[in-house]
Amino acid sequence: MITRKAEYAIAALVELARQEKGSKTTTAAIAREQNIPGNLVVQLMGILRQAGWITSSRGPAGGVELSRSPEDITLRDVIELIDGPVTITRCLMENKPCQNKEECPLRQVWSEAQEKMLSVLEQVTIKQLAERFNAVSKQEPGAVQSQSLN
């Protein structure tokens, strides 16, 4: 299951991808623009920094910025960084093997559904989401302030 925390991480990365290359933004700005609780943005930035996806600096000219290209970050990457392996049901979790997996009529259905979901998550990048976000924002006057992923 994809958690709210993973959704917030995606929204934060989209906000960072919307910044001009080489420019920084603050955690407060990310929280405001994407309607994410400020303390959670700080926590997420720590996780993203440890993963090498962002850099941050303190001080008047400080802030956060992407250090990994947004076209190289897929939704699956983000979800797995925050939540661990993506599974649609417990029966497909590797650390909790199903005792009935050999004779279970649903296992094949779950497995196929999961493969398709993972395929979609692997095809959508943070850059694509940022471009979609920007396109929607340009269509509606004042939408930049009111449009968020959350």
Protein backbone atom coordinates (compact mmCIF):
# COMPACT_ATOMS: atom_id res chain seq x y z
CA MET A 1 0.00 0.00 0.00
CA ILE A 2 1.26 3.46 -0.86
CA THR A 3 1.34 5.64 2.23
CA ARG A 4 0.49 9.30 2.61
CA LYS A 5 4.16 9.87 3.47
CA ALA A 6 5.17 8.55 0.02
CA GLU A 7 2.56 10.81 -1.60
CA TYR A 8 4.04 13.77 0.29
CA ALA A 9 7.54 12.79 -0.85
CA ILE A 10 6.35 12.74 -4.47
CA ALA A 11 4.72 16.16 -4.04
CA ALA A 12 7.89 17.58 -2.45
CA LEU A 13 10.05 16.25 -5.28
CA VAL A 14 7.67 17.69 -7.87
CA GLU A 15 7.94 21.07 -6.15
CA LEU A 16 11.74 20.83 -6.25
CA ALA A 17 11.63 19.82 -9.93
CA ARG A 18 9.55 22.92 -10.70
CA GLN A 19 12.36 25.18 -9.50
CA GLU A 20 14.73 26.65 -12.05
CA LYS A 21 17.90 24.62 -12.41
CA GLY A 22 20.47 25.75 -9.87
CA SER A 23 17.96 27.59 -7.69
CA LYS A 24 17.08 26.55 -4.16
CA THR A 25 13.85 26.66 -2.24
CA THR A 26 13.02 26.29 1.42
CA THR A 27 11.25 23.51 3.25
CA ALA A 28 8.67 26.10 4.32
CA ALA A 29 7.97 26.97 0.67
CA ILE A 30 7.60 23.28 -0.23
CA ALA A 31 5.21 22.78 2.68
CA ARG A 32 3.16 25.82 1.69
CA GLU A 33 3.01 25.11 -2.05
CA GLN A 34 2.17 21.42 -1.67
CA ASN A 35 0.06 21.55 1.51
CA ILE A 36 2.41 19.24 3.42
CA PRO A 37 2.93 19.55 7.18
CA GLY A 38 6.20 21.44 7.72
CA ASN A 39 7.71 18.94 10.15
CA LEU A 40 7.07 16.15 7.65
CA VAL A 41 8.80 18.09 4.87
CA VAL A 42 11.88 18.39 7.09
CA GLN A 43 11.78 14.65 7.80
CA LEU A 44 11.36 13.81 4.10
CA MET A 45 14.22 16.11 3.11
CA GLY A 46 16.46 14.16 5.50
CA ILE A 47 15.52 10.88 3.81
CA LEU A 48 15.98 12.36 0.32
CA ARG A 49 19.34 13.88 1.31
CA GLN A 50 20.60 10.54 2.70
CA ALA A 51 19.55 8.88 -0.57
CA GLY A 52 21.58 11.49 -2.50
CA TRP A 53 18.55 12.91 -4.31
CA ILE A 54 18.80 16.42 -2.87
CA THR A 55 21.37 18.75 -1.40
CA SER A 56 20.72 21.31 1.27
CA SER A 57 22.55 24.23 2.78
CA ARG A 58 21.89 26.56 5.69
CA GLY A 59 21.99 30.30 5.90
CA PRO A 60 20.45 33.26 4.06
CA ALA A 61 21.27 31.80 0.63
CA GLY A 62 20.51 28.26 1.77
CA GLY A 63 17.74 25.90 0.89
CA VAL A 64 17.21 22.60 -0.84
CA GLU A 65 17.57 21.55 -4.46
CA LEU A 66 17.55 18.36 -6.48
CA SER A 67 20.93 16.72 -6.97
CA ARG A 68 19.48 13.87 -9.01
CA SER A 69 17.82 14.60 -12.33
CA PRO A 70 14.00 14.53 -12.07
CA GLU A 71 13.76 12.49 -15.27
CA ASP A 72 15.75 9.76 -13.49
CA ILE A 73 13.39 9.52 -10.50
CA THR A 74 10.33 7.34 -11.05
CA LEU A 75 7.29 7.06 -8.84
CA ARG A 76 8.39 3.53 -7.98
CA ASP A 77 11.78 4.86 -6.86
CA VAL A 78 10.14 7.33 -4.49
CA ILE A 79 7.58 4.92 -3.09
CA GLU A 80 10.19 2.24 -2.45
CA LEU A 81 12.56 4.73 -0.83
CA ILE A 82 9.84 5.84 1.59
CA ASP A 83 7.69 2.72 2.03
CA GLY A 84 9.87 -0.19 0.95
CA PRO A 85 8.86 -2.70 -1.72
CA VAL A 86 5.52 -1.99 -3.39
CA THR A 87 3.02 -4.82 -3.04
CA ILE A 88 -0.72 -4.82 -3.53
CA THR A 89 -1.33 -7.67 -1.10
CA ARG A 90 0.44 -9.44 1.74
CA CYS A 91 0.50 -12.68 -0.21
CA LEU A 92 3.11 -11.21 -2.59
CA MET A 93 5.42 -9.86 0.10
CA GLU A 94 8.78 -11.62 0.01
CA ASN A 95 9.33 -11.40 3.76
CA LYS A 96 5.91 -12.95 4.48
CA PRO A 97 5.62 -15.94 2.15
CA CYS A 98 2.14 -17.31 1.71
CA GLN A 99 1.72 -20.90 2.85
CA ASN A 100 -0.94 -21.52 0.21
CA LYS A 101 0.85 -19.92 -2.73
CA GLU A 102 1.07 -23.08 -4.82
CA GLU A 103 -2.66 -23.80 -4.83
CA CYS A 104 -4.08 -20.30 -4.39
CA PRO A 105 -6.27 -19.27 -7.36
CA LEU A 106 -5.83 -15.57 -6.55
CA ARG A 107 -2.03 -15.49 -6.52
CA GLN A 108 -1.73 -15.32 -10.31
CA VAL A 109 -4.29 -12.50 -10.46
CA TRP A 110 -2.51 -10.52 -7.73
CA SER A 111 0.86 -11.12 -9.35
CA GLU A 112 -0.33 -9.89 -12.75
CA ALA A 113 -2.03 -6.83 -11.23
CA GLN A 114 1.12 -5.98 -9.29
CA GLU A 115 3.32 -6.30 -12.38
CA LYS A 116 1.08 -3.88 -14.28
CA MET A 117 1.00 -1.41 -11.40
CA LEU A 118 4.79 -1.51 -11.05
CA SER A 119 5.14 -0.98 -14.79
CA VAL A 120 3.07 2.21 -14.58
CA LEU A 121 5.00 3.45 -11.53
CA GLU A 122 8.28 2.81 -13.37
CA GLN A 123 7.17 4.80 -16.42
CA VAL A 124 6.10 8.00 -14.67
CA THR A 125 8.91 10.34 -13.60
CA ILE A 126 9.06 13.32 -11.30
CA LYS A 127 9.92 15.47 -14.34
CA GLN A 128 6.72 14.36 -16.11
CA LEU A 129 4.62 15.18 -13.06
CA ALA A 130 6.28 18.60 -12.72
CA GLU A 131 5.53 19.31 -16.39
CA ARG A 132 1.89 18.28 -15.92
CA PHE A 133 1.66 20.44 -12.81
CA ASN A 134 3.11 23.43 -14.68
CA ALA A 135 0.73 22.90 -17.62
CA VAL A 136 -2.30 22.91 -15.31
CA SER A 137 -0.98 25.96 -13.47
CA LYS A 138 -0.61 27.92 -16.73
CA GLN A 139 -4.17 27.14 -17.79
CA GLU A 140 -5.78 28.67 -14.70
CA PRO A 141 -4.95 32.21 -13.56
CA GLY A 142 -3.78 32.10 -9.95
CA ALA A 143 -3.59 28.30 -10.03
CA VAL A 144 0.07 28.22 -9.05
CA GLN A 145 -0.82 29.35 -5.54
CA SER A 146 -3.83 27.08 -5.18
CA GLN A 147 -2.67 24.01 -7.08
CA SER A 148 -0.94 21.25 -5.15
CA LEU A 149 -0.67 17.51 -5.41
CA ASN A 150 -2.29 17.07 -1.99
